[in-house]
């Protein structure tokens, strides 16, 4: 499975731009993994947004993952779906998505991480690593727990939650395979922020 070191998550609460515009700016900076997160729109609206993002991510040779809705992800030919703990069970999502598309799942504990791995998830999101205002995600798990998760699961781990450019290196030193970021990219100059993240990640990978 291709997993970019930086997963960009859309969030209209952190930025007034349309999903298309914020995504285009992230893609221009070199981001190769786009995750459509939309907790407020109707399913029809999410489908239409996903269609638009599928076209532009395809034009940029980037991965598109749709949050929460396996049927929408499949309908727009997205590369994958990302599930929360309260979404459709992983086994049922796999029936919809098939074996060749990506399924990730948000996890917050070791038990959830192990369940995701044994259930056939392609990767897990783990966090929140730090305090985050992006969404209600519970108490921060911290760097040490992230490192422990990496030692105990054998599928890629994407760290999420309150990750700023200043914290990226510490997160990656745990062995995390990627970082997922929303507000730290969306607040301010999206292209400049994304480029900064990518520069730090690329420097770490070169060490």
Protein backbone atom coordinates (compact mmCIF):
# COMPACT_ATOMS: atom_id res chain seq x y z
CA UNK A 1 0.00 0.00 0.00
CA UNK A 2 1.30 3.45 -0.89
CA UNK A 3 1.30 5.70 2.17
CA UNK A 4 2.50 9.27 1.91
CA UNK A 5 4.42 10.69 4.84
CA UNK A 6 1.87 13.52 5.02
CA UNK A 7 -1.86 12.89 4.97
CA UNK A 8 -3.85 16.08 4.46
CA UNK A 9 -7.34 16.11 5.99
CA UNK A 10 -9.93 18.58 4.75
CA UNK A 11 -11.78 20.62 7.37
CA UNK A 12 -14.19 23.46 6.60
CA UNK A 13 -14.25 24.45 10.27
CA UNK A 14 -10.57 25.39 10.10
CA UNK A 15 -10.71 27.09 6.70
CA UNK A 16 -13.43 28.89 4.73
CA UNK A 17 -12.17 27.74 1.35
CA UNK A 18 -14.09 25.06 -0.52
CA UNK A 19 -12.82 21.50 -0.25
CA UNK A 20 -11.71 21.75 -3.86
CA UNK A 21 -9.70 24.93 -3.32
CA UNK A 22 -7.98 23.78 -0.14
CA UNK A 23 -7.15 20.47 -1.79
CA UNK A 24 -5.75 22.13 -4.90
CA UNK A 25 -3.43 24.24 -2.75
CA UNK A 26 -2.22 21.20 -0.83
CA UNK A 27 -1.65 19.27 -4.05
CA UNK A 28 0.29 22.20 -5.51
CA UNK A 29 2.61 22.02 -2.50
CA UNK A 30 3.30 18.37 -3.26
CA UNK A 31 0.90 16.54 -0.94
CA UNK A 32 0.06 13.09 -2.32
CA UNK A 33 -2.58 11.85 0.15
CA UNK A 34 -5.89 13.68 0.48
CA UNK A 35 -8.51 12.65 3.01
CA UNK A 36 -12.02 14.08 2.59
CA UNK A 37 -13.48 14.63 6.02
CA UNK A 38 -16.91 16.25 6.05
CA UNK A 39 -19.03 15.80 9.16
CA UNK A 40 -21.67 18.38 8.32
CA UNK A 41 -22.92 17.90 4.74
CA UNK A 42 -25.56 15.52 3.47
CA UNK A 43 -24.51 12.23 1.91
CA UNK A 44 -25.44 13.59 -1.51
CA UNK A 45 -23.21 16.64 -0.96
CA UNK A 46 -20.35 14.46 0.27
CA UNK A 47 -20.71 12.31 -2.84
CA UNK A 48 -20.51 15.39 -5.07
CA UNK A 49 -17.46 16.72 -3.20
CA UNK A 50 -15.79 13.34 -3.43
CA UNK A 51 -16.39 13.27 -7.18
CA UNK A 52 -14.69 16.64 -7.56
CA UNK A 53 -11.74 15.62 -5.40
CA UNK A 54 -11.39 12.31 -7.26
CA UNK A 55 -10.93 14.20 -10.50
CA UNK A 56 -8.31 16.62 -9.20
CA UNK A 57 -6.40 14.04 -7.15
CA UNK A 58 -6.33 11.83 -10.23
CA UNK A 59 -4.87 14.69 -12.23
CA UNK A 60 -2.12 15.06 -9.60
CA UNK A 61 -1.43 11.33 -9.20
CA UNK A 62 -2.51 11.58 -5.56
CA UNK A 63 -4.42 9.20 -3.30
CA UNK A 64 -7.99 10.06 -2.26
CA UNK A 65 -9.49 8.58 0.89
CA UNK A 66 -13.09 9.34 1.89
CA UNK A 67 -14.03 9.39 5.57
CA UNK A 68 -16.89 7.34 7.00
CA UNK A 69 -18.72 6.25 3.82
CA UNK A 70 -17.49 3.08 2.05
CA UNK A 71 -20.30 3.22 -0.50
CA UNK A 72 -19.45 6.79 -1.51
CA UNK A 73 -15.75 5.96 -1.67
CA UNK A 74 -16.50 3.05 -3.99
CA UNK A 75 -18.97 5.04 -6.09
CA UNK A 76 -16.43 7.77 -6.90
CA UNK A 77 -13.59 5.25 -7.33
CA UNK A 78 -11.64 6.67 -4.42
CA UNK A 79 -8.52 4.79 -3.38
CA UNK A 80 -9.91 4.05 0.03
CA UNK A 81 -12.11 4.82 3.01
CA UNK A 82 -11.23 5.86 6.55
CA UNK A 83 -13.51 4.62 9.31
CA UNK A 84 -14.13 5.83 12.84
CA UNK A 85 -14.91 3.53 15.72
CA UNK A 86 -18.64 4.25 15.35
CA UNK A 87 -18.79 3.76 11.58
CA UNK A 88 -19.64 0.62 9.63
CA UNK A 89 -17.68 -2.38 10.99
CA UNK A 90 -14.43 -3.08 9.19
CA UNK A 91 -15.56 -6.49 7.95
CA UNK A 92 -18.67 -5.05 6.33
CA UNK A 93 -16.73 -2.16 4.82
CA UNK A 94 -14.37 -4.67 3.21
CA UNK A 95 -17.32 -6.40 1.56
CA UNK A 96 -18.22 -3.09 -0.06
CA UNK A 97 -14.71 -1.89 -0.91
CA UNK A 98 -13.22 -5.17 -2.07
CA UNK A 99 -9.72 -6.38 -1.32
CA UNK A 100 -7.86 -3.94 -3.57
CA UNK A 101 -8.95 -0.67 -1.98
CA UNK A 102 -7.52 0.87 1.18
CA UNK A 103 -9.34 0.75 4.50
CA UNK A 104 -7.98 2.71 7.44
CA UNK A 105 -9.50 3.02 10.86
CA UNK A 106 -9.14 5.53 13.68
CA UNK A 107 -7.89 3.99 16.92
CA UNK A 108 -7.27 5.44 20.37
CA UNK A 109 -6.17 2.41 22.42
CA UNK A 110 -3.93 -0.63 22.01
CA UNK A 111 -6.98 -2.91 21.96
CA UNK A 112 -8.55 -0.95 19.10
CA UNK A 113 -5.27 -0.98 17.19
CA UNK A 114 -4.89 -4.75 17.53
CA UNK A 115 -8.53 -5.30 16.58
CA UNK A 116 -8.04 -3.19 13.45
CA UNK A 117 -4.97 -5.16 12.47
CA UNK A 118 -6.60 -8.56 13.04
CA UNK A 119 -9.71 -7.36 11.21
CA UNK A 120 -7.77 -6.62 8.05
CA UNK A 121 -7.26 -2.85 8.15
CA UNK A 122 -4.57 -1.60 5.79
CA UNK A 123 -3.46 1.08 8.25
CA UNK A 124 -4.55 2.70 11.48
CA UNK A 125 -4.81 6.31 12.48
CA UNK A 126 -3.70 6.63 16.10
CA UNK A 127 -4.27 9.56 18.40
CA UNK A 128 -4.84 12.21 19.31
CA UNK A 129 -1.13 12.34 19.98
CA UNK A 130 -1.40 15.91 21.28
CA UNK A 131 -4.27 18.13 22.33
CA UNK A 132 -6.35 19.10 19.30
CA UNK A 133 -9.28 21.42 18.66
CA UNK A 134 -10.09 19.94 15.25
CA UNK A 135 -12.64 17.49 16.64
CA UNK A 136 -13.63 15.82 19.87
CA UNK A 137 -11.16 12.98 19.96
CA UNK A 138 -10.52 12.40 23.63
CA UNK A 139 -7.46 12.94 25.77
CA UNK A 140 -4.00 13.02 24.14
CA UNK A 141 -2.26 9.64 24.05
CA UNK A 142 1.25 11.08 23.89
CA UNK A 143 4.49 10.15 22.17
CA UNK A 144 5.32 7.15 24.37
CA UNK A 145 2.03 5.38 23.66
CA UNK A 146 2.44 6.05 19.95
CA UNK A 147 5.87 4.42 20.07
CA UNK A 148 4.37 1.46 21.93
CA UNK A 149 1.69 1.00 19.30
CA UNK A 150 4.34 0.93 16.57
CA UNK A 151 6.12 -1.91 18.39
CA UNK A 152 2.95 -3.94 18.75
CA UNK A 153 1.25 -3.73 15.36
CA UNK A 154 2.60 -4.67 11.96
CA UNK A 155 0.50 -2.43 9.75
CA UNK A 156 1.29 1.24 9.00
CA UNK A 157 0.49 3.74 11.75
CA UNK A 158 -0.58 7.29 10.92
CA UNK A 159 -0.22 9.68 13.85
CA UNK A 160 -2.94 12.29 14.20
CA UNK A 161 -3.96 15.03 16.58
CA UNK A 162 -2.37 18.39 17.31
CA UNK A 163 0.70 17.77 15.17
CA UNK A 164 2.51 20.99 14.30
CA UNK A 165 5.70 21.37 12.26
CA UNK A 166 7.64 21.70 15.52
CA UNK A 167 6.38 18.29 16.68
CA UNK A 168 6.70 16.30 13.46
CA UNK A 169 10.25 15.06 14.02
CA UNK A 170 9.46 13.77 17.51
CA UNK A 171 6.41 11.96 16.14
CA UNK A 172 8.34 10.34 13.30
CA UNK A 173 11.10 9.21 15.68
CA UNK A 174 8.53 6.89 17.27
CA UNK A 175 8.47 4.97 14.00
CA UNK A 176 5.12 6.38 12.87
CA UNK A 177 4.74 5.88 9.13
CA UNK A 178 2.99 9.20 8.46
CA UNK A 179 1.31 12.16 10.09
CA UNK A 180 -2.24 13.30 9.39
CA UNK A 181 -2.77 17.05 9.58
CA UNK A 182 -5.73 19.38 9.15
CA UNK A 183 -5.68 22.71 10.99
CA UNK A 184 -1.89 23.12 11.08
CA UNK A 185 -1.99 23.22 7.29
CA UNK A 186 -5.30 25.01 6.85
CA UNK A 187 -4.70 27.91 9.24
CA UNK A 188 -2.72 30.41 7.22
CA UNK A 189 -1.03 29.86 3.87
CA UNK A 190 -1.97 26.29 2.95
CA UNK A 191 0.72 25.84 0.33
CA UNK A 192 3.46 27.26 2.53
CA UNK A 193 2.37 25.22 5.55
CA UNK A 194 2.19 21.98 3.55
CA UNK A 195 5.61 22.61 2.03
CA UNK A 196 7.06 23.10 5.51
CA UNK A 197 5.64 19.78 6.71
CA UNK A 198 6.91 17.99 3.62
CA UNK A 199 10.38 19.47 4.00
CA UNK A 200 10.64 18.24 7.60
CA UNK A 201 9.30 14.79 6.71
CA UNK A 202 11.65 14.44 3.73
CA UNK A 203 14.59 15.49 5.89
CA UNK A 204 13.70 12.85 8.47
CA UNK A 205 13.40 10.16 5.80
CA UNK A 206 16.84 11.14 4.51
CA UNK A 207 18.51 10.70 7.91
